[in-house]
Amino acid sequence: MQPGRPRRVPLLLLVICCVAALLASCSFQPGGDLLAFMKDGGLYVASSDGSGLREIASGSIVDAAWSPDHHQIVFRAGKNAVTVAAAIQPEETRGVPDTVSDLYISSVSGGSPLRITPDATAFARSDAWWNPNGNRLLYREEYDAPTTVPVYIVSQADQPVGIARKAVADIVSIPVLSPDGSQVAGIDAAGNLRIGTPGQSGRILATGLLRTYPGTNRPARVLWQPHAQAVLYPTAGAGAATLVLRDLQGDVRAIGAFPELIDMAFSPDGKHLLIRTPEDFQLWSLAGKAQSVWHIAAADPLALPWWSPDGSKLLLQDNSGWHLVDAATGKMTTLLATTPGPQFQITPSTRWHPAAGSPWSPDGTHIVFASSGQGKWLGRTLPDAKGAAGIYVARIGGAAPGGQPTLLADGNVRAPTWSYLDPSAVFLVTA
């Protein structure tokens, strides 16, 4: 071989080297089981054992939600929002109200967040929630002035300052995106079910839908059945809400009539429906003829349930603490018992949106929660938190919960989140 002549590199080896270099330059991290929480206006991530704790974004951040693949996280930031959030206690199920704020996308690896909204100076905004495929987000905004009307926005996660966003046309209810983000469904001002392309006036598929549930101030909405091309919606009856499941190919069937319905959510696999009335939670099977499986009493109107990722359990938070429910039997075990606080009053002006983040770990074996540390976990005192609150991690996997929760962080901490929630498989929170 002549001196100075370059050696030939096999093509496959060259490709491997290029891919490795690209991944290294991007500092790619899969996210894995990282959980997130807010502290002093910053967004932090950590592993469940507390290792790898680091701040990935800072500056008046109030809430966040993981993307379905756990690679990205959307968060809302604004000075006014932080002030309002400070008044919400760790044990409450309320969300942070719409206020002047911006929405950002951050990688789990950190770096410079991407602002996906236009300048927030004149706009009050809600939290954002992802569609199941993770390529679109929905959020609400309105001019920060009296008597304005909110508009729902569909946004891409990779476009700055809202250059690719589209307003949801005609729909006045809380809209829902199809899993692939190509369609948006909701209820218009005349009570029609509309489905269409984001930004366009959709076609009317049904009429006579409710906009609020009978005898309540709770908004009615449309759900997209997980793993199916079908939508669930409430129609008006004689003092009751009749739930109708409609296949987009035209098949329609009634699930049941509910005189006191106030919310509903599919199970993660779409085979069951969780119903909330003022008195109880009801689980209904949708296989064949819809029928009730179990019901459990529930007095707190803002009680919030979260499905475990595999749908085998429900974690229920209310003003008396945290409870674990077996989805097959309805058996409920109180995990954290706390003293109920003042009841939040729901009014016609109360805003709502789907809870955007889940306390369940992606594998369903652990949960994360915030607490002032005053409650009892399975009869035992929580590890002492220094400051306003603590972020705790507890094991839930197996036949029964076990072990004492671990204190992950404390101080001015709030709003922990661990895994993604399909908006059609979760209840609404006040905002």
Protein backbone atom coordinates (compact mmCIF):
# COMPACT_ATOMS: atom_id res chain seq x y z
CA MET A 1 0.00 0.00 0.00
CA GLN A 2 1.36 3.39 -0.96
CA PRO A 3 2.06 5.86 1.93
CA GLY A 4 -0.66 8.44 2.47
CA ARG A 5 -3.30 6.56 0.48
CA PRO A 6 -6.63 6.42 2.38
CA ARG A 7 -7.88 3.00 3.41
CA ARG A 8 -11.30 1.83 2.24
CA VAL A 9 -13.97 1.77 4.95
CA PRO A 10 -16.77 -0.81 4.57
CA LEU A 11 -20.08 0.92 3.79
CA LEU A 12 -21.96 -0.71 6.70
CA LEU A 13 -19.32 0.41 9.20
CA LEU A 14 -19.49 3.94 7.80
CA VAL A 15 -23.28 4.03 8.23
CA ILE A 16 -23.01 2.77 11.81
CA CYS A 17 -20.43 5.40 12.66
CA CYS A 18 -22.55 8.17 11.15
CA VAL A 19 -25.65 7.10 13.09
CA ALA A 20 -23.65 6.89 16.32
CA ALA A 21 -22.20 10.34 15.76
CA LEU A 22 -25.65 11.77 15.02
CA LEU A 23 -27.15 10.31 18.18
CA ALA A 24 -24.25 11.57 20.25
CA SER A 25 -24.54 15.06 18.81
CA CYS A 26 -28.26 15.15 19.62
CA SER A 27 -27.68 13.93 23.20
CA PHE A 28 -30.59 11.54 22.63
CA GLN A 29 -32.27 10.18 25.75
CA PRO A 30 -35.38 8.00 25.64
CA GLY A 31 -36.92 9.45 28.80
CA GLY A 32 -37.65 6.03 30.25
CA ASP A 33 -39.28 6.27 33.65
CA LEU A 34 -38.39 9.89 34.40
CA LEU A 35 -41.01 11.80 36.35
CA ALA A 36 -41.41 15.58 36.34
CA PHE A 37 -42.50 18.23 38.83
CA MET A 38 -42.41 21.98 39.40
CA LYS A 39 -40.29 23.71 42.04
CA ASP A 40 -39.91 27.47 42.50
CA GLY A 41 -41.10 28.05 38.92
CA GLY A 42 -38.65 25.54 37.41
CA LEU A 43 -39.39 22.22 35.68
CA TYR A 44 -37.44 19.28 37.12
CA VAL A 45 -37.07 15.65 36.08
CA ALA A 46 -35.72 12.71 38.09
CA SER A 47 -35.74 8.93 38.27
CA SER A 48 -38.03 7.33 40.83
CA ASP A 49 -35.14 6.80 43.26
CA GLY A 50 -34.19 10.47 43.09
CA SER A 51 -31.14 9.95 40.90
CA GLY A 52 -30.57 12.20 37.91
CA LEU A 53 -32.49 15.08 39.48
CA ARG A 54 -32.03 18.14 37.28
CA GLU A 55 -33.83 21.27 36.09
CA ILE A 56 -34.64 21.17 32.37
CA ALA A 57 -36.45 24.52 32.12
CA SER A 58 -36.92 27.57 34.34
CA GLY A 59 -39.04 30.69 34.54
CA SER A 60 -42.55 30.82 36.06
CA ILE A 61 -43.60 27.27 35.04
CA VAL A 62 -46.87 25.98 36.51
CA ASP A 63 -47.81 22.68 34.81
CA ALA A 64 -46.43 20.09 32.40
CA ALA A 65 -47.48 16.95 30.50
CA TRP A 66 -45.37 14.20 28.94
CA SER A 67 -45.75 13.31 25.27
CA PRO A 68 -46.94 9.74 24.60
CA ASP A 69 -43.39 8.57 23.74
CA HIS A 70 -41.95 10.29 26.84
CA HIS A 71 -39.35 12.13 24.74
CA GLN A 72 -40.88 15.58 25.09
CA ILE A 73 -42.82 17.55 27.63
CA VAL A 74 -45.17 20.51 27.13
CA PHE A 75 -45.34 23.14 29.85
CA ARG A 76 -47.11 26.43 30.56
CA ALA A 77 -45.27 29.44 31.96
CA GLY A 78 -46.34 32.89 33.06
CA LYS A 79 -45.87 35.15 36.07
CA ASN A 80 -49.59 35.51 36.67
CA ALA A 81 -50.05 31.75 36.43
CA VAL A 82 -47.40 31.15 39.10
CA THR A 83 -49.15 33.54 41.46
CA VAL A 84 -52.47 31.73 41.00
CA ALA A 85 -50.86 28.29 41.28
CA ALA A 86 -49.31 29.19 44.64
CA ALA A 87 -52.80 29.32 46.16
CA ILE A 88 -53.63 25.70 45.22
CA GLN A 89 -52.77 23.22 47.97
CA PRO A 90 -50.93 19.95 47.16
CA GLU A 91 -53.94 17.82 48.17
CA GLU A 92 -56.33 19.61 45.79
CA THR A 93 -57.40 18.16 42.44
CA ARG A 94 -57.87 21.58 40.81
CA GLY A 95 -55.74 22.66 37.87
CA VAL A 96 -54.18 26.09 37.44
CA PRO A 97 -56.75 28.50 35.93
CA ASP A 98 -56.37 29.97 32.46
CA THR A 99 -54.23 33.08 32.70
CA VAL A 100 -51.75 35.08 30.66
CA SER A 101 -49.09 32.50 29.82
CA ASP A 102 -47.17 30.78 27.02
CA LEU A 103 -46.77 27.14 26.05
CA TYR A 104 -43.39 25.54 25.42
CA ILE A 105 -42.03 22.18 24.29
CA SER A 106 -38.88 20.84 25.92
CA SER A 107 -36.86 17.70 25.24
CA VAL A 108 -36.33 15.31 28.13
CA SER A 109 -32.64 16.05 27.59
CA GLY A 110 -33.17 19.75 28.27
CA GLY A 111 -31.81 22.42 25.96
CA SER A 112 -33.63 25.52 24.79
CA PRO A 113 -37.43 25.08 25.01
CA LEU A 114 -39.48 25.84 21.89
CA ARG A 115 -42.30 28.34 22.39
CA ILE A 116 -45.29 27.11 20.36
CA THR A 117 -47.65 30.03 21.07
CA PRO A 118 -47.67 33.64 19.89
CA ASP A 119 -46.72 36.29 22.45
CA ALA A 120 -48.85 35.89 25.59
CA THR A 121 -49.21 39.58 26.42
CA ALA A 122 -52.88 39.74 25.36
CA PHE A 123 -53.92 36.07 25.78
CA ALA A 124 -55.00 33.90 28.68
CA ARG A 125 -54.27 30.22 28.01
CA SER A 126 -54.99 26.82 29.52
CA ASP A 127 -52.69 23.86 29.90
CA ALA A 128 -52.16 21.81 26.74
CA TRP A 129 -52.91 18.12 26.19
CA TRP A 130 -51.51 15.70 23.56
CA ASN A 131 -53.35 13.48 21.10
CA PRO A 132 -52.53 9.74 21.43
CA ASN A 133 -50.02 9.73 18.56
CA GLY A 134 -48.16 12.69 20.04
CA ASN A 135 -48.06 14.81 16.86
CA ARG A 136 -50.63 17.43 17.90
CA LEU A 137 -51.69 19.36 21.00
CA LEU A 138 -54.90 21.08 22.03
CA TYR A 139 -55.23 24.09 24.29
CA ARG A 140 -57.62 26.97 24.96
CA GLU A 141 -56.97 30.69 24.68
CA GLU A 142 -58.90 33.95 24.84
CA TYR A 143 -58.18 37.66 25.00
CA ASP A 144 -57.32 38.70 28.54
CA ALA A 145 -60.38 40.96 28.82
CA PRO A 146 -63.95 40.68 30.16
CA THR A 147 -66.75 38.97 28.16
CA THR A 148 -64.44 37.32 25.63
CA VAL A 149 -65.10 33.90 24.11
CA PRO A 150 -62.45 31.17 24.40
CA VAL A 151 -61.12 29.47 21.28
CA TYR A 152 -59.57 26.00 21.12
CA ILE A 153 -56.33 25.68 19.21
CA VAL A 154 -54.72 22.66 17.50
CA SER A 155 -50.95 23.03 17.43
CA GLN A 156 -47.98 21.08 16.18
CA ALA A 157 -45.21 20.40 18.67
CA ASP A 158 -42.34 21.32 16.35
CA GLN A 159 -43.38 24.74 15.02
CA PRO A 160 -42.35 27.98 16.80
CA VAL A 161 -44.69 30.78 17.92
CA GLY A 162 -47.79 29.07 16.57
CA ILE A 163 -46.99 29.39 12.87
CA ALA A 164 -48.66 26.03 12.17
CA ARG A 165 -51.53 26.26 14.65
CA LYS A 166 -55.22 26.16 13.66
CA ALA A 167 -58.30 27.34 15.52
CA VAL A 168 -61.02 24.71 16.00
CA ALA A 169 -63.94 25.94 13.89
CA ASP A 170 -67.56 26.05 15.16
CA ILE A 171 -67.02 23.69 18.13
CA VAL A 172 -67.81 25.28 21.51
CA SER A 173 -67.36 22.23 23.75
CA ILE A 174 -63.98 20.81 24.81
CA PRO A 175 -62.87 19.20 21.52
CA VAL A 176 -61.07 15.89 21.07
CA LEU A 177 -58.52 14.93 18.42
CA SER A 178 -58.48 11.61 16.62
CA PRO A 179 -55.47 9.45 17.56
CA ASP A 180 -53.54 10.54 14.45
CA GLY A 181 -54.52 14.21 14.84
CA SER A 182 -56.16 14.41 11.41
CA GLN A 183 -59.68 15.05 12.72
CA VAL A 184 -61.24 17.00 15.56
CA ALA A 185 -64.65 16.27 17.07
CA GLY A 186 -66.89 18.28 19.37
CA ILE A 187 -70.26 19.92 19.98
CA ASP A 188 -71.28 23.16 18.28
CA ALA A 189 -73.50 25.94 19.68
CA ALA A 190 -76.65 24.31 18.26
CA GLY A 191 -75.94 20.95 19.92
CA ASN A 192 -74.66 19.21 16.78
CA LEU A 193 -71.83 16.67 16.72
CA ARG A 194 -69.18 17.93 14.28
CA ILE A 195 -66.14 16.06 13.01
CA GLY A 196 -63.66 17.48 10.53
CA THR A 197 -60.16 18.62 9.71
CA PRO A 198 -58.65 21.04 12.25
CA GLY A 199 -59.26 24.60 11.11
CA GLN A 200 -62.24 23.65 8.94
CA SER A 201 -65.96 23.49 9.68
CA GLY A 202 -66.61 19.79 10.15
CA ARG A 203 -69.52 17.75 8.91
CA ILE A 204 -72.54 17.20 11.18
CA LEU A 205 -72.90 13.54 12.20
CA ALA A 206 -75.59 13.83 14.88
CA THR A 207 -77.97 16.37 16.44
CA GLY A 208 -79.57 16.90 19.84
CA LEU A 209 -76.37 16.73 21.91
CA LEU A 210 -76.10 18.21 25.40
CA ARG A 211 -73.73 21.10 26.08
CA THR A 212 -73.99 20.74 29.85
CA TYR A 213 -75.22 17.80 31.92
CA PRO A 214 -78.75 18.03 33.40
CA GLY A 215 -78.91 19.93 36.69
CA THR A 216 -75.17 20.76 36.74
CA ASN A 217 -72.62 23.35 35.64
CA ARG A 218 -70.42 20.59 34.23
CA PRO A 219 -69.63 20.72 30.50
CA ALA A 220 -70.62 17.84 28.25
CA ARG A 221 -68.04 16.66 25.71
CA VAL A 222 -67.26 14.09 23.03
CA LEU A 223 -64.76 11.25 23.62
CA TRP A 224 -62.80 9.33 20.99
CA GLN A 225 -62.85 5.63 21.80
CA PRO A 226 -59.27 4.33 22.22
CA HIS A 227 -58.16 1.85 19.54
CA ALA A 228 -61.36 2.38 17.54
CA GLN A 229 -62.82 4.69 14.92
CA ALA A 230 -65.77 5.65 17.09
CA VAL A 231 -66.91 8.56 19.26
CA LEU A 232 -69.01 8.68 22.41
CA TYR A 233 -71.33 11.62 23.06
CA PRO A 234 -74.28 12.64 25.30
CA THR A 235 -77.70 13.34 23.84
CA ALA A 236 -80.63 15.05 25.54
CA GLY A 237 -83.41 12.92 26.95
CA ALA A 238 -86.21 13.35 29.50
CA GLY A 239 -84.12 14.85 32.29
CA ALA A 240 -81.23 12.50 31.53
CA ALA A 241 -78.12 12.21 29.38
CA THR A 242 -78.19 9.26 26.98
CA LEU A 243 -74.70 8.18 25.98
CA VAL A 244 -74.35 7.13 22.35
CA LEU A 245 -71.39 5.29 20.81
CA ARG A 246 -71.13 6.00 17.10
CA ASP A 247 -68.82 4.18 14.72
CA LEU A 248 -67.61 6.56 12.01
CA GLN A 249 -68.81 4.02 9.45
CA GLY A 250 -72.38 4.64 10.63
CA ASP A 251 -73.13 2.04 13.35
CA VAL A 252 -74.85 3.65 16.35
CA ARG A 253 -75.81 2.21 19.73
CA ALA A 254 -77.02 3.66 23.03
CA ILE A 255 -74.96 2.81 26.11
CA GLY A 256 -77.48 3.95 28.70
CA ALA A 257 -79.39 6.90 30.19
CA PHE A 258 -77.92 8.72 33.19
CA PRO A 259 -80.09 11.32 35.00
CA GLU A 260 -77.16 12.63 37.08
CA LEU A 261 -74.12 12.24 34.85
CA ILE A 262 -71.26 14.69 35.50
CA ASP A 263 -68.26 13.10 33.71
CA MET A 264 -67.03 10.01 31.87
CA ALA A 265 -63.81 8.43 30.59
CA PHE A 266 -62.86 5.33 28.63
CA SER A 267 -60.49 2.70 29.98
CA PRO A 268 -57.08 2.72 28.20
CA ASP A 269 -58.12 -0.18 25.95
CA GLY A 270 -61.52 1.39 25.16
CA LYS A 271 -63.46 -1.67 26.40
CA HIS A 272 -64.91 -0.07 29.53
CA LEU A 273 -66.42 3.27 30.44
CA LEU A 274 -66.03 4.97 33.82
CA ILE A 275 -69.10 7.06 34.68
CA ARG A 276 -69.29 9.73 37.39
CA THR A 277 -72.52 10.82 39.05
CA PRO A 278 -72.85 13.10 42.11
CA GLU A 279 -73.12 9.99 44.29
CA ASP A 280 -70.77 7.41 42.80
CA PHE A 281 -68.35 6.08 40.21
CA GLN A 282 -69.73 3.38 37.91
CA LEU A 283 -67.75 1.07 35.65
CA TRP A 284 -69.57 -0.14 32.54
CA SER A 285 -68.51 -2.89 30.17
CA LEU A 286 -68.97 -2.04 26.49
CA ALA A 287 -68.65 -5.64 25.24
CA GLY A 288 -71.92 -6.72 23.66
CA LYS A 289 -74.83 -5.10 25.49
CA ALA A 290 -73.42 -2.40 27.76
CA GLN A 291 -73.83 -3.22 31.44
CA SER A 292 -72.70 -2.00 34.84
CA VAL A 293 -69.79 -3.91 36.42
CA TRP A 294 -69.56 -2.12 39.80
CA HIS A 295 -70.09 1.19 41.54
CA ILE A 296 -68.41 2.86 44.51
CA ALA A 297 -69.67 5.81 46.55
CA ALA A 298 -67.97 9.17 45.96
CA ALA A 299 -69.00 12.37 47.70
CA ASP A 300 -66.33 14.82 46.49
CA PRO A 301 -67.55 16.40 43.22
CA LEU A 302 -63.93 17.10 42.18
CA ALA A 303 -62.67 13.56 42.86
CA LEU A 304 -60.23 12.64 40.11
CA PRO A 305 -59.47 9.07 38.96
CA TRP A 306 -56.51 7.96 36.87
CA TRP A 307 -56.32 4.61 35.09
CA SER A 308 -53.14 2.59 35.47
CA PRO A 309 -51.42 2.16 32.08
CA ASP A 310 -52.69 -1.43 31.72
CA GLY A 311 -56.20 -0.57 32.93
CA SER A 312 -56.09 -3.02 35.86
CA LYS A 313 -56.32 -0.37 38.57
CA LEU A 314 -57.62 3.12 39.24
CA LEU A 315 -55.93 5.67 41.44
CA LEU A 316 -58.53 7.98 42.96
CA GLN A 317 -57.69 11.32 44.54
CA ASP A 318 -60.35 13.22 46.49
CA ASN A 319 -60.54 15.61 49.41
CA SER A 320 -60.00 12.73 51.87
CA GLY A 321 -56.77 11.48 50.28
CA TRP A 322 -55.61 8.85 47.78
CA HIS A 323 -57.30 5.51 47.13
CA LEU A 324 -56.52 2.45 45.01
CA VAL A 325 -59.37 0.70 43.18
CA ASP A 326 -59.21 -2.76 41.64
CA ALA A 327 -60.76 -2.30 38.17
CA ALA A 328 -62.06 -5.89 38.06
CA THR A 329 -63.95 -5.84 41.38
CA GLY A 330 -64.29 -2.21 42.47
CA LYS A 331 -62.57 -2.98 45.78
CA MET A 332 -61.11 0.24 47.17
CA THR A 333 -58.13 0.61 49.51
CA THR A 334 -57.27 3.94 51.12
CA LEU A 335 -53.58 4.68 50.69
CA LEU A 336 -53.19 8.21 52.02
CA ALA A 337 -55.77 9.54 54.47
CA THR A 338 -55.89 13.33 54.87
CA THR A 339 -58.19 15.86 56.52
CA PRO A 340 -60.67 17.30 53.98
CA GLY A 341 -60.16 20.96 53.17
CA PRO A 342 -62.62 23.65 52.03
CA GLN A 343 -64.82 22.61 49.10
CA PHE A 344 -64.20 24.44 45.82
CA GLN A 345 -67.40 25.95 44.44
CA ILE A 346 -68.20 25.14 40.80
CA THR A 347 -69.90 27.99 38.93
CA PRO A 348 -71.07 28.50 35.32
CA SER A 349 -67.84 30.41 34.65
CA THR A 350 -65.59 27.58 35.84
CA ARG A 351 -63.29 26.44 33.05
CA TRP A 352 -62.41 22.77 32.54
CA HIS A 353 -59.90 20.73 30.55
CA PRO A 354 -58.70 17.10 30.51
CA ALA A 355 -56.14 16.27 33.17
CA ALA A 356 -52.93 16.31 31.16
CA GLY A 357 -50.53 14.19 33.18
CA SER A 358 -50.76 10.93 35.12
CA PRO A 359 -49.24 10.06 38.52
CA TRP A 360 -48.69 6.44 37.38
CA SER A 361 -45.25 5.26 36.32
CA PRO A 362 -45.26 4.02 32.71
CA ASP A 363 -45.01 0.39 33.90
CA GLY A 364 -47.81 0.82 36.44
CA THR A 365 -45.76 -0.27 39.46
CA HIS A 366 -45.35 3.10 41.22
CA ILE A 367 -47.12 6.42 41.66
CA VAL A 368 -45.94 9.95 42.40
CA PHE A 369 -47.90 12.50 44.42
CA ALA A 370 -47.51 15.84 46.17
CA SER A 371 -48.53 16.26 49.79
CA SER A 372 -48.09 18.70 52.62
CA GLY A 373 -47.03 15.66 54.65
CA GLN A 374 -49.95 15.82 57.08
CA GLY A 375 -51.67 12.59 56.02
CA LYS A 376 -51.19 8.94 56.96
CA TRP A 377 -50.00 6.42 54.37
CA LEU A 378 -51.56 3.05 55.26
CA GLY A 379 -51.70 4.28 58.84
CA ARG A 380 -48.12 5.55 58.99
CA THR A 381 -46.80 9.11 58.93
CA LEU A 382 -45.19 10.27 55.68
CA PRO A 383 -41.48 11.14 55.63
CA ASP A 384 -41.17 14.73 56.82
CA ALA A 385 -41.03 17.34 54.05
CA LYS A 386 -39.11 20.54 54.72
CA GLY A 387 -41.12 23.44 53.40
CA ALA A 388 -44.55 23.77 51.83
CA ALA A 389 -44.86 20.25 50.44
CA GLY A 390 -43.09 17.09 49.38
CA ILE A 391 -42.99 14.98 46.21
CA TYR A 392 -43.37 11.32 47.16
CA VAL A 393 -42.95 8.07 45.22
CA ALA A 394 -44.74 4.89 46.35
CA ARG A 395 -44.80 1.31 45.10
CA ILE A 396 -48.20 0.07 43.92
CA GLY A 397 -47.27 -3.05 41.91
CA GLY A 398 -48.26 -6.53 43.01
CA ALA A 399 -51.38 -7.78 44.72
CA ALA A 400 -51.30 -4.95 47.28
CA PRO A 401 -49.42 -1.69 47.80
CA GLY A 402 -46.39 -2.00 50.00
CA GLY A 403 -43.63 -0.04 51.60
CA GLN A 404 -43.41 3.50 52.83
CA PRO A 405 -43.37 6.31 50.22
CA THR A 406 -39.98 7.85 49.45
CA LEU A 407 -39.51 11.60 49.73
CA LEU A 408 -38.09 12.68 46.38
CA ALA A 409 -38.02 16.48 46.75
CA ASP A 410 -39.49 19.11 49.04
CA GLY A 411 -39.95 22.83 49.41
CA ASN A 412 -42.08 24.85 47.00
CA VAL A 413 -42.91 21.77 44.93
CA ARG A 414 -46.12 20.92 43.06
CA ALA A 415 -47.84 19.14 40.16
CA PRO A 416 -45.82 15.94 39.68
CA THR A 417 -46.48 13.95 36.50
CA TRP A 418 -45.07 10.65 35.31
CA SER A 419 -46.82 9.25 32.26
CA TYR A 420 -49.09 10.26 29.37
CA LEU A 421 -52.89 10.33 29.54
CA ASP A 422 -55.21 9.84 26.57
CA PRO A 423 -57.66 12.80 26.92
CA SER A 424 -60.57 10.40 26.31
CA ALA A 425 -59.44 8.15 29.20
CA VAL A 426 -59.33 10.82 31.89
CA PHE A 427 -61.78 13.12 33.66
CA LEU A 428 -61.85 16.90 33.44
CA VAL A 429 -60.17 19.16 35.99
CA THR A 430 -61.24 22.65 36.91
CA ALA A 431 -59.10 25.43 35.48
